[in-house]
Amino acid sequence: MNEGSLHVVDEIFPKKFFLNGQEMSCEGFKPIAALWRSAFPDLHYTLDHLIAEGEWVVEHWTGRGPI
């Protein structure tokens, strides 16, 4: 994702997940990721926390880019 390669979405995301409380698929997320990348071409993600319990996984990440 940090290099703008959308093909990794299929590798690092489950087939269905929640984004901001809404269920999403990888195919539904790719246009959103492309929009973020076009708006912020130097965007860099950092995974801050990854918590897993049972079948639930939650991640907390930070996105940064130059001003």
PDB file of N, CA and C in Angstrom:
ATOM      1  N   MET A   1       0.820  -1.189   0.000  1.00  0.00           N
ATOM      2  CA  MET A   1       0.000   0.000   0.000  1.00  0.00           C
ATOM      3  C   MET A   1       0.865   1.254   0.000  1.00  0.00           C
ATOM      4  N   ASN A   2       1.996   1.217   0.706  1.00  0.00           N
ATOM      5  CA  ASN A   2       2.845   2.405   0.770  1.00  0.00           C
ATOM      6  C   ASN A   2       3.455   2.748  -0.586  1.00  0.00           C
ATOM      7  N   GLU A   3       3.511   1.786  -1.472  1.00  0.00           N
ATOM      8  CA  GLU A   3       4.053   2.038  -2.807  1.00  0.00           C
ATOM      9  C   GLU A   3       2.950   2.296  -3.839  1.00  0.00           C
ATOM     10  N   GLY A   4       1.696   2.279  -3.390  1.00  0.00           N
ATOM     11  CA  GLY A   4       0.582   2.548  -4.288  1.00  0.00           C
ATOM     12  C   GLY A   4       0.142   1.351  -5.105  1.00  0.00           C
ATOM     13  N   SER A   5       0.557   0.147  -4.718  1.00  0.00           N
ATOM     14  CA  SER A   5       0.193  -1.063  -5.453  1.00  0.00           C
ATOM     15  C   SER A   5      -1.126  -1.621  -4.922  1.00  0.00           C
ATOM     16  N   LEU A   6      -2.179  -1.464  -5.693  1.00  0.00           N
ATOM     17  CA  LEU A   6      -3.491  -1.909  -5.242  1.00  0.00           C
ATOM     18  C   LEU A   6      -3.651  -3.423  -5.268  1.00  0.00           C
ATOM     19  N   HIS A   7      -2.780  -4.133  -5.992  1.00  0.00           N
ATOM     20  CA  HIS A   7      -2.899  -5.592  -6.009  1.00  0.00           C
ATOM     21  C   HIS A   7      -2.655  -6.205  -4.627  1.00  0.00           C
ATOM     22  N   VAL A   8      -1.971  -5.498  -3.749  1.00  0.00           N
ATOM     23  CA  VAL A   8      -1.721  -6.040  -2.409  1.00  0.00           C
ATOM     24  C   VAL A   8      -2.979  -6.040  -1.546  1.00  0.00           C
ATOM     25  N   VAL A   9      -4.003  -5.298  -1.946  1.00  0.00           N
ATOM     26  CA  VAL A   9      -5.257  -5.295  -1.185  1.00  0.00           C
ATOM     27  C   VAL A   9      -5.771  -6.725  -1.047  1.00  0.00           C
ATOM     28  N   ASP A  10      -5.720  -7.500  -2.132  1.00  0.00           N
ATOM     29  CA  ASP A  10      -6.176  -8.891  -2.095  1.00  0.00           C
ATOM     30  C   ASP A  10      -5.299  -9.759  -1.202  1.00  0.00           C
ATOM     31  N   GLU A  11      -4.053  -9.366  -1.000  1.00  0.00           N
ATOM     32  CA  GLU A  11      -3.123 -10.147  -0.190  1.00  0.00           C
ATOM     33  C   GLU A  11      -3.209  -9.801   1.298  1.00  0.00           C
ATOM     34  N   ILE A  12      -3.499  -8.552   1.634  1.00  0.00           N
ATOM     35  CA  ILE A  12      -3.421  -8.142   3.039  1.00  0.00           C
ATOM     36  C   ILE A  12      -4.771  -7.907   3.702  1.00  0.00           C
ATOM     37  N   PHE A  13      -5.848  -7.865   2.920  1.00  0.00           N
ATOM     38  CA  PHE A  13      -7.184  -7.658   3.476  1.00  0.00           C
ATOM     39  C   PHE A  13      -7.985  -8.950   3.351  1.00  0.00           C
ATOM     40  N   PRO A  14      -8.872  -9.220   4.313  1.00  0.00           N
ATOM     41  CA  PRO A  14      -9.791 -10.351   4.136  1.00  0.00           C
ATOM     42  C   PRO A  14     -10.806 -10.021   3.041  1.00  0.00           C
ATOM     43  N   LYS A  15     -11.530 -11.038   2.574  1.00  0.00           N
ATOM     44  CA  LYS A  15     -12.507 -10.801   1.501  1.00  0.00           C
ATOM     45  C   LYS A  15     -13.583  -9.811   1.916  1.00  0.00           C
ATOM     46  N   LYS A  16     -13.986  -9.861   3.183  1.00  0.00           N
ATOM     47  CA  LYS A  16     -14.960  -8.896   3.721  1.00  0.00           C
ATOM     48  C   LYS A  16     -14.411  -8.367   5.037  1.00  0.00           C
ATOM     49  N   PHE A  17     -14.562  -7.063   5.245  1.00  0.00           N
ATOM     50  CA  PHE A  17     -14.064  -6.423   6.457  1.00  0.00           C
ATOM     51  C   PHE A  17     -14.898  -5.181   6.718  1.00  0.00           C
ATOM     52  N   PHE A  18     -14.633  -4.539   7.824  1.00  0.00           N
ATOM     53  CA  PHE A  18     -15.345  -3.309   8.173  1.00  0.00           C
ATOM     54  C   PHE A  18     -14.392  -2.131   8.103  1.00  0.00           C
ATOM     55  N   LEU A  19     -14.829  -1.062   7.504  1.00  0.00           N
ATOM     56  CA  LEU A  19     -14.075   0.185   7.424  1.00  0.00           C
ATOM     57  C   LEU A  19     -14.981   1.286   7.935  1.00  0.00           C
ATOM     58  N   ASN A  20     -14.591   1.903   9.035  1.00  0.00           N
ATOM     59  CA  ASN A  20     -15.411   2.948   9.651  1.00  0.00           C
ATOM     60  C   ASN A  20     -16.838   2.479   9.907  1.00  0.00           C
ATOM     61  N   GLY A  21     -16.975   1.220  10.339  1.00  0.00           N
ATOM     62  CA  GLY A  21     -18.272   0.683  10.709  1.00  0.00           C
ATOM     63  C   GLY A  21     -19.107   0.137   9.567  1.00  0.00           C
ATOM     64  N   GLN A  22     -18.600   0.208   8.330  1.00  0.00           N
ATOM     65  CA  GLN A  22     -19.363  -0.295   7.186  1.00  0.00           C
ATOM     66  C   GLN A  22     -18.672  -1.517   6.597  1.00  0.00           C
ATOM     67  N   GLU A  23     -19.479  -2.556   6.305  1.00  0.00           N
ATOM     68  CA  GLU A  23     -18.909  -3.750   5.693  1.00  0.00           C
ATOM     69  C   GLU A  23     -18.411  -3.421   4.292  1.00  0.00           C
ATOM     70  N   MET A  24     -17.263  -3.976   3.951  1.00  0.00           N
ATOM     71  CA  MET A  24     -16.609  -3.649   2.689  1.00  0.00           C
ATOM     72  C   MET A  24     -15.952  -4.906   2.135  1.00  0.00           C
ATOM     73  N   SER A  25     -15.778  -4.945   0.829  1.00  0.00           N
ATOM     74  CA  SER A  25     -15.033  -6.016   0.175  1.00  0.00           C
ATOM     75  C   SER A  25     -13.739  -5.440  -0.387  1.00  0.00           C
ATOM     76  N   CYS A  26     -12.832  -6.324  -0.768  1.00  0.00           N
ATOM     77  CA  CYS A  26     -11.579  -5.853  -1.377  1.00  0.00           C
ATOM     78  C   CYS A  26     -11.859  -5.068  -2.653  1.00  0.00           C
ATOM     79  N   GLU A  27     -12.770  -5.574  -3.474  1.00  0.00           N
ATOM     80  CA  GLU A  27     -13.092  -4.882  -4.720  1.00  0.00           C
ATOM     81  C   GLU A  27     -13.735  -3.525  -4.453  1.00  0.00           C
ATOM     82  N   GLY A  28     -14.515  -3.422  -3.403  1.00  0.00           N
ATOM     83  CA  GLY A  28     -15.119  -2.140  -3.052  1.00  0.00           C
ATOM     84  C   GLY A  28     -14.127  -1.162  -2.457  1.00  0.00           C
ATOM     85  N   PHE A  29     -13.055  -1.697  -1.836  1.00  0.00           N
ATOM     86  CA  PHE A  29     -12.060  -0.843  -1.207  1.00  0.00           C
ATOM     87  C   PHE A  29     -11.048  -0.288  -2.203  1.00  0.00           C
ATOM     88  N   LYS A  30     -10.753  -1.012  -3.261  1.00  0.00           N
ATOM     89  CA  LYS A  30      -9.712  -0.580  -4.213  1.00  0.00           C
ATOM     90  C   LYS A  30      -9.962   0.814  -4.785  1.00  0.00           C
ATOM     91  N   PRO A  31     -11.189   1.176  -5.199  1.00  0.00           N
ATOM     92  CA  PRO A  31     -11.402   2.546  -5.687  1.00  0.00           C
ATOM     93  C   PRO A  31     -11.168   3.599  -4.599  1.00  0.00           C
ATOM     94  N   ILE A  32     -11.499   3.259  -3.354  1.00  0.00           N
ATOM     95  CA  ILE A  32     -11.258   4.188  -2.245  1.00  0.00           C
ATOM     96  C   ILE A  32      -9.757   4.379  -2.045  1.00  0.00           C
ATOM     97  N   ALA A  33      -9.018   3.264  -2.053  1.00  0.00           N
ATOM     98  CA  ALA A  33      -7.563   3.347  -1.896  1.00  0.00           C
ATOM     99  C   ALA A  33      -6.935   4.137  -3.040  1.00  0.00           C
ATOM    100  N   ALA A  34      -7.434   3.944  -4.257  1.00  0.00           N
ATOM    101  CA  ALA A  34      -6.915   4.684  -5.416  1.00  0.00           C
ATOM    102  C   ALA A  34      -7.210   6.175  -5.271  1.00  0.00           C
ATOM    103  N   LEU A  35      -8.377   6.504  -4.754  1.00  0.00           N
ATOM    104  CA  LEU A  35      -8.727   7.908  -4.534  1.00  0.00           C
ATOM    105  C   LEU A  35      -7.807   8.544  -3.494  1.00  0.00           C
ATOM    106  N   TRP A  36      -7.576   7.836  -2.381  1.00  0.00           N
ATOM    107  CA  TRP A  36      -6.650   8.343  -1.353  1.00  0.00           C
ATOM    108  C   TRP A  36      -5.270   8.563  -1.943  1.00  0.00           C
ATOM    109  N   ARG A  37      -4.799   7.591  -2.752  1.00  0.00           N
ATOM    110  CA  ARG A  37      -3.460   7.677  -3.331  1.00  0.00           C
ATOM    111  C   ARG A  37      -3.371   8.832  -4.321  1.00  0.00           C
ATOM    112  N   SER A  38      -4.434   9.083  -5.085  1.00  0.00           N
ATOM    113  CA  SER A  38      -4.386  10.196  -6.044  1.00  0.00           C
ATOM    114  C   SER A  38      -4.429  11.540  -5.317  1.00  0.00           C
ATOM    115  N   ALA A  39      -5.162  11.597  -4.204  1.00  0.00           N
ATOM    116  CA  ALA A  39      -5.228  12.840  -3.433  1.00  0.00           C
ATOM    117  C   ALA A  39      -3.959  13.083  -2.632  1.00  0.00           C
ATOM    118  N   PHE A  40      -3.346  12.006  -2.161  1.00  0.00           N
ATOM    119  CA  PHE A  40      -2.141  12.092  -1.327  1.00  0.00           C
ATOM    120  C   PHE A  40      -1.093  11.119  -1.874  1.00  0.00           C
ATOM    121  N   PRO A  41      -0.405  11.467  -2.948  1.00  0.00           N
ATOM    122  CA  PRO A  41       0.516  10.526  -3.603  1.00  0.00           C
ATOM    123  C   PRO A  41       1.691  10.091  -2.726  1.00  0.00           C
ATOM    124  N   ASP A  42       2.051  10.874  -1.727  1.00  0.00           N
ATOM    125  CA  ASP A  42       3.170  10.517  -0.847  1.00  0.00           C
ATOM    126  C   ASP A  42       2.698   9.911   0.470  1.00  0.00           C
ATOM    127  N   LEU A  43       1.440   9.477   0.528  1.00  0.00           N
ATOM    128  CA  LEU A  43       0.879   8.916   1.744  1.00  0.00           C
ATOM    129  C   LEU A  43       1.647   7.667   2.161  1.00  0.00           C
ATOM    130  N   HIS A  44       1.983   7.589   3.441  1.00  0.00           N
ATOM    131  CA  HIS A  44       2.695   6.434   3.994  1.00  0.00           C
ATOM    132  C   HIS A  44       1.941   5.944   5.224  1.00  0.00           C
ATOM    133  N   TYR A  45       1.610   4.660   5.233  1.00  0.00           N
ATOM    134  CA  TYR A  45       0.873   4.062   6.340  1.00  0.00           C
ATOM    135  C   TYR A  45       1.829   3.406   7.331  1.00  0.00           C
ATOM    136  N   THR A  46       1.503   3.540   8.606  1.00  0.00           N
ATOM    137  CA  THR A  46       2.238   2.852   9.666  1.00  0.00           C
ATOM    138  C   THR A  46       1.218   2.109  10.522  1.00  0.00           C
ATOM    139  N   LEU A  47       1.446   0.814  10.718  1.00  0.00           N
ATOM    140  CA  LEU A  47       0.578   0.027  11.576  1.00  0.00           C
ATOM    141  C   LEU A  47       0.995   0.283  13.021  1.00  0.00           C
ATOM    142  N   ASP A  48       0.088   0.858  13.810  1.00  0.00           N
ATOM    143  CA  ASP A  48       0.390   1.206  15.195  1.00  0.00           C
ATOM    144  C   ASP A  48       0.036   0.083  16.160  1.00  0.00           C
ATOM    145  N   HIS A  49      -1.125  -0.531  15.964  1.00  0.00           N
ATOM    146  CA  HIS A  49      -1.578  -1.611  16.841  1.00  0.00           C
ATOM    147  C   HIS A  49      -2.327  -2.644  16.016  1.00  0.00           C
ATOM    148  N   LEU A  50      -2.161  -3.908  16.378  1.00  0.00           N
ATOM    149  CA  LEU A  50      -2.905  -4.998  15.765  1.00  0.00           C
ATOM    150  C   LEU A  50      -3.366  -5.897  16.900  1.00  0.00           C
ATOM    151  N   ILE A  51      -4.674  -6.018  17.055  1.00  0.00           N
ATOM    152  CA  ILE A  51      -5.249  -6.776  18.163  1.00  0.00           C
ATOM    153  C   ILE A  51      -6.146  -7.856  17.575  1.00  0.00           C
ATOM    154  N   ALA A  52      -5.944  -9.094  17.992  1.00  0.00           N
ATOM    155  CA  ALA A  52      -6.763 -10.206  17.513  1.00  0.00           C
ATOM    156  C   ALA A  52      -7.326 -10.967  18.701  1.00  0.00           C
ATOM    157  N   GLU A  53      -8.615 -11.282  18.611  1.00  0.00           N
ATOM    158  CA  GLU A  53      -9.260 -12.084  19.634  1.00  0.00           C
ATOM    159  C   GLU A  53     -10.360 -12.894  18.962  1.00  0.00           C
ATOM    160  N   GLY A  54     -10.243 -14.211  19.030  1.00  0.00           N
ATOM    161  CA  GLY A  54     -11.216 -15.057  18.348  1.00  0.00           C
ATOM    162  C   GLY A  54     -11.178 -14.803  16.856  1.00  0.00           C
ATOM    163  N   GLU A  55     -12.344 -14.542  16.278  1.00  0.00           N
ATOM    164  CA  GLU A  55     -12.388 -14.276  14.836  1.00  0.00           C
ATOM    165  C   GLU A  55     -12.305 -12.790  14.503  1.00  0.00           C
ATOM    166  N   TRP A  56     -12.094 -11.945  15.515  1.00  0.00           N
ATOM    167  CA  TRP A  56     -12.027 -10.496  15.299  1.00  0.00           C
ATOM    168  C   TRP A  56     -10.582 -10.018  15.293  1.00  0.00           C
ATOM    169  N   VAL A  57     -10.282  -9.143  14.361  1.00  0.00           N
ATOM    170  CA  VAL A  57      -8.972  -8.485  14.290  1.00  0.00           C
ATOM    171  C   VAL A  57      -9.227  -6.996  14.103  1.00  0.00           C
ATOM    172  N   VAL A  58      -8.537  -6.194  14.888  1.00  0.00           N
ATOM    173  CA  VAL A  58      -8.663  -4.744  14.789  1.00  0.00           C
ATOM    174  C   VAL A  58      -7.271  -4.174  14.562  1.00  0.00           C
ATOM    175  N   GLU A  59      -7.189  -3.239  13.640  1.00  0.00           N
ATOM    176  CA  GLU A  59      -5.909  -2.567  13.435  1.00  0.00           C
ATOM    177  C   GLU A  59      -6.088  -1.069  13.610  1.00  0.00           C
ATOM    178  N   HIS A  60      -5.057  -0.463  14.123  1.00  0.00           N
ATOM    179  CA  HIS A  60      -5.008   0.990  14.279  1.00  0.00           C
ATOM    180  C   HIS A  60      -3.779   1.435  13.502  1.00  0.00           C
ATOM    181  N   TRP A  61      -3.987   2.277  12.514  1.00  0.00           N
ATOM    182  CA  TRP A  61      -2.887   2.724  11.687  1.00  0.00           C
ATOM    183  C   TRP A  61      -2.897   4.231  11.566  1.00  0.00           C
ATOM    184  N   THR A  62      -1.749   4.747  11.173  1.00  0.00           N
ATOM    185  CA  THR A  62      -1.578   6.183  10.949  1.00  0.00           C
ATOM    186  C   THR A  62      -1.135   6.383   9.505  1.00  0.00           C
ATOM    187  N   GLY A  63      -1.737   7.347   8.847  1.00  0.00           N
ATOM    188  CA  GLY A  63      -1.322   7.733   7.514  1.00  0.00           C
ATOM    189  C   GLY A  63      -0.671   9.104   7.577  1.00  0.00           C
ATOM    190  N   ARG A  64       0.505   9.211   6.974  1.00  0.00           N
ATOM    191  CA  ARG A  64       1.239  10.477   6.988  1.00  0.00           C
ATOM    192  C   ARG A  64       1.731  10.817   5.582  1.00  0.00           C
ATOM    193  N   GLY A  65       1.881  12.098   5.375  1.00  0.00           N
ATOM    194  CA  GLY A  65       2.435  12.569   4.109  1.00  0.00           C
ATOM    195  C   GLY A  65       2.993  13.975   4.313  1.00  0.00           C
ATOM    196  N   PRO A  66       3.888  14.396   3.425  1.00  0.00           N
ATOM    197  CA  PRO A  66       4.441  15.733   3.572  1.00  0.00           C
ATOM    198  C   PRO A  66       3.381  16.814   3.364  1.00  0.00           C
ATOM    199  N   ILE A  67       3.557  17.899   4.029  1.00  0.00           N
ATOM    200  CA  ILE A  67       2.627  19.031   3.913  1.00  0.00           C
ATOM    201  C   ILE A  67       3.146  19.999   2.873  1.00  0.00           C
TER     202      ILE A  67
END
